[in-house]
Amino acid sequence: MATGQRKDPYRNFRFRVEIDGLQQAGFTDVSGFDSTVDVVEYREGNEATTMRKLSGLTKYGNISLKWGLTDSTEIYDWYIEVTKGNVQRKNISIVLVDETGSDKSRWNFINAWPSKYDAPDFSAKSSEVGIESLDIVHEGMIRES
């Protein structure tokens, strides 16, 4: 029996984050990029038992970025500008990379800005890397293959 070429799924640890004008490397985690369309239920007066389901507003989840603490403060500075009322919206891309280093898929986020910053936790009983995190809100997500 002949079989087609094997297509393994991509591994989730090979990715790159691109933020307009910001050069930051070493992200440990990127999560939360999702999209949901609200369902609006509607029933006309002559439809006694059936609800119609209509599409409503589209909502996007917040992106959560985590990275190891370094001397770079570019992403933190972006957040600080928001706390001062100066919201700088940027476009963000999360790029999936295969084993050869080629881009395989890209998620683009439109008009993004940071809404929450978490500083690392410190403990003298551990040798782990300090992790900073940032929650980012946005107004749209587009996946490119």
Protein backbone atom coordinates (compact mmCIF):
# COMPACT_ATOMS: atom_id res chain seq x y z
CA MET A 1 0.00 0.00 0.00
CA ALA A 2 1.52 3.35 -1.06
CA THR A 3 1.51 6.20 1.39
CA GLY A 4 1.94 9.93 0.90
CA GLN A 5 4.75 12.04 2.23
CA ARG A 6 4.77 12.23 6.03
CA LYS A 7 3.79 15.63 7.44
CA ASP A 8 4.74 16.06 11.08
CA PRO A 9 3.19 18.87 13.11
CA TYR A 10 5.38 21.85 13.93
CA ARG A 11 6.89 22.16 17.38
CA ASN A 12 5.62 24.93 19.60
CA PHE A 13 9.01 26.03 20.96
CA ARG A 14 10.26 27.48 17.66
CA PHE A 15 8.75 30.93 17.30
CA ARG A 16 9.65 34.58 16.93
CA VAL A 17 7.83 37.71 18.13
CA GLU A 18 8.00 40.86 16.00
CA ILE A 19 6.81 44.17 17.47
CA ASP A 20 6.94 47.38 15.39
CA GLY A 21 10.27 48.99 16.15
CA LEU A 22 11.05 46.86 19.21
CA GLN A 23 13.91 44.38 19.19
CA GLN A 24 13.50 41.93 22.06
CA ALA A 25 14.59 38.31 21.99
CA GLY A 26 14.29 35.32 24.27
CA PHE A 27 10.54 35.01 24.78
CA THR A 28 9.80 31.91 26.82
CA ASP A 29 6.03 31.88 26.32
CA VAL A 30 3.47 33.50 24.06
CA SER A 31 -0.16 32.65 24.72
CA GLY A 32 -3.73 33.86 24.58
CA PHE A 33 -4.15 34.66 20.94
CA ASP A 34 -7.70 33.60 20.29
CA SER A 35 -10.85 34.91 18.65
CA THR A 36 -14.52 34.43 19.53
CA VAL A 37 -17.70 35.52 17.74
CA ASP A 38 -20.60 36.23 20.09
CA VAL A 39 -23.84 34.41 19.33
CA VAL A 40 -27.00 36.53 19.37
CA GLU A 41 -30.18 34.54 19.85
CA TYR A 42 -33.28 35.93 18.20
CA ARG A 43 -36.85 34.72 17.95
CA GLU A 44 -39.63 36.21 15.89
CA GLY A 45 -43.12 36.25 17.31
CA ASN A 46 -44.45 33.55 14.98
CA GLU A 47 -41.59 31.12 15.83
CA ALA A 48 -42.81 29.47 19.02
CA THR A 49 -40.00 27.01 19.70
CA THR A 50 -37.05 27.92 17.51
CA MET A 51 -34.34 30.43 18.26
CA ARG A 52 -32.30 31.82 15.42
CA LYS A 53 -28.59 32.18 16.04
CA LEU A 54 -27.00 35.27 14.53
CA SER A 55 -23.40 36.36 14.59
CA GLY A 56 -22.56 39.22 16.94
CA LEU A 57 -19.40 41.03 17.90
CA THR A 58 -15.97 39.48 17.44
CA LYS A 59 -13.77 39.50 20.53
CA TYR A 60 -10.03 38.88 20.74
CA GLY A 61 -8.14 37.48 23.72
CA ASN A 62 -5.19 39.26 25.27
CA ILE A 63 -1.73 38.15 24.20
CA SER A 64 0.57 37.23 27.07
CA LEU A 65 4.33 37.55 26.51
CA LYS A 66 6.90 36.14 28.95
CA TRP A 67 10.66 36.59 28.75
CA GLY A 68 13.77 36.29 30.86
CA LEU A 69 14.86 39.44 32.69
CA THR A 70 17.74 41.25 30.95
CA ASP A 71 19.13 44.80 30.75
CA SER A 72 16.72 45.63 27.92
CA THR A 73 13.77 47.81 28.99
CA GLU A 74 12.20 48.53 25.59
CA ILE A 75 9.03 46.53 26.20
CA TYR A 76 8.71 47.80 29.77
CA ASP A 77 9.17 51.38 28.50
CA TRP A 78 6.31 50.82 26.03
CA TYR A 79 4.09 49.85 28.97
CA ILE A 80 5.22 52.87 31.05
CA GLU A 81 4.17 55.21 28.23
CA VAL A 82 0.66 53.70 28.45
CA THR A 83 0.53 54.40 32.20
CA LYS A 84 1.29 58.06 31.38
CA GLY A 85 -1.66 58.19 28.96
CA ASN A 86 0.48 57.95 25.83
CA VAL A 87 -0.89 54.78 24.18
CA GLN A 88 1.38 53.82 21.30
CA ARG A 89 -0.43 51.23 19.20
CA LYS A 90 1.82 48.79 17.39
CA ASN A 91 1.38 45.84 15.08
CA ILE A 92 2.69 42.52 16.37
CA SER A 93 3.46 39.27 14.58
CA ILE A 94 4.02 35.87 16.11
CA VAL A 95 5.88 33.68 13.63
CA LEU A 96 6.09 29.88 13.78
CA VAL A 97 9.46 28.58 12.54
CA ASP A 98 10.29 25.04 11.37
CA GLU A 99 13.44 23.01 12.12
CA THR A 100 15.31 24.59 9.20
CA GLY A 101 14.58 28.13 10.42
CA SER A 102 12.00 28.86 7.71
CA ASP A 103 8.84 30.83 8.57
CA LYS A 104 5.83 28.52 8.38
CA SER A 105 2.89 30.45 9.79
CA ARG A 106 2.29 33.97 11.04
CA TRP A 107 -0.33 35.54 13.28
CA ASN A 108 -0.62 39.32 12.85
CA PHE A 109 -2.21 41.49 15.53
CA ILE A 110 -3.47 44.98 14.74
CA ASN A 111 -3.38 48.12 16.93
CA ALA A 112 -1.85 46.37 19.94
CA TRP A 113 -0.80 48.01 23.21
CA PRO A 114 0.26 46.71 26.64
CA SER A 115 -2.36 46.63 29.40
CA LYS A 116 -0.58 44.77 32.23
CA TYR A 117 3.02 44.24 33.34
CA ASP A 118 4.24 41.67 35.87
CA ALA A 119 7.74 41.94 37.33
CA PRO A 120 9.61 38.72 38.14
CA ASP A 121 9.30 36.96 41.48
CA PHE A 122 12.58 36.56 43.36
CA SER A 123 13.62 33.79 45.75
CA ALA A 124 17.00 33.11 47.36
CA LYS A 125 16.05 29.40 47.41
CA SER A 126 15.99 29.07 43.62
CA SER A 127 18.37 29.39 40.67
CA GLU A 128 15.63 29.98 38.08
CA VAL A 129 15.66 32.86 35.62
CA GLY A 130 13.55 35.89 36.54
CA ILE A 131 10.56 36.10 34.18
CA GLU A 132 8.83 39.34 33.19
CA SER A 133 5.40 39.24 31.55
CA LEU A 134 3.21 41.63 29.62
CA ASP A 135 -0.45 41.37 28.61
CA ILE A 136 -1.24 43.02 25.30
CA VAL A 137 -4.67 43.95 23.96
CA HIS A 138 -5.37 44.33 20.24
CA GLU A 139 -8.13 44.99 17.72
CA GLY A 140 -7.75 42.12 15.28
CA MET A 141 -5.93 38.91 14.42
CA ILE A 142 -5.08 37.55 10.97
CA ARG A 143 -3.37 34.21 10.35
CA GLU A 144 -1.15 33.83 7.31
CA SER A 145 0.28 30.48 6.23
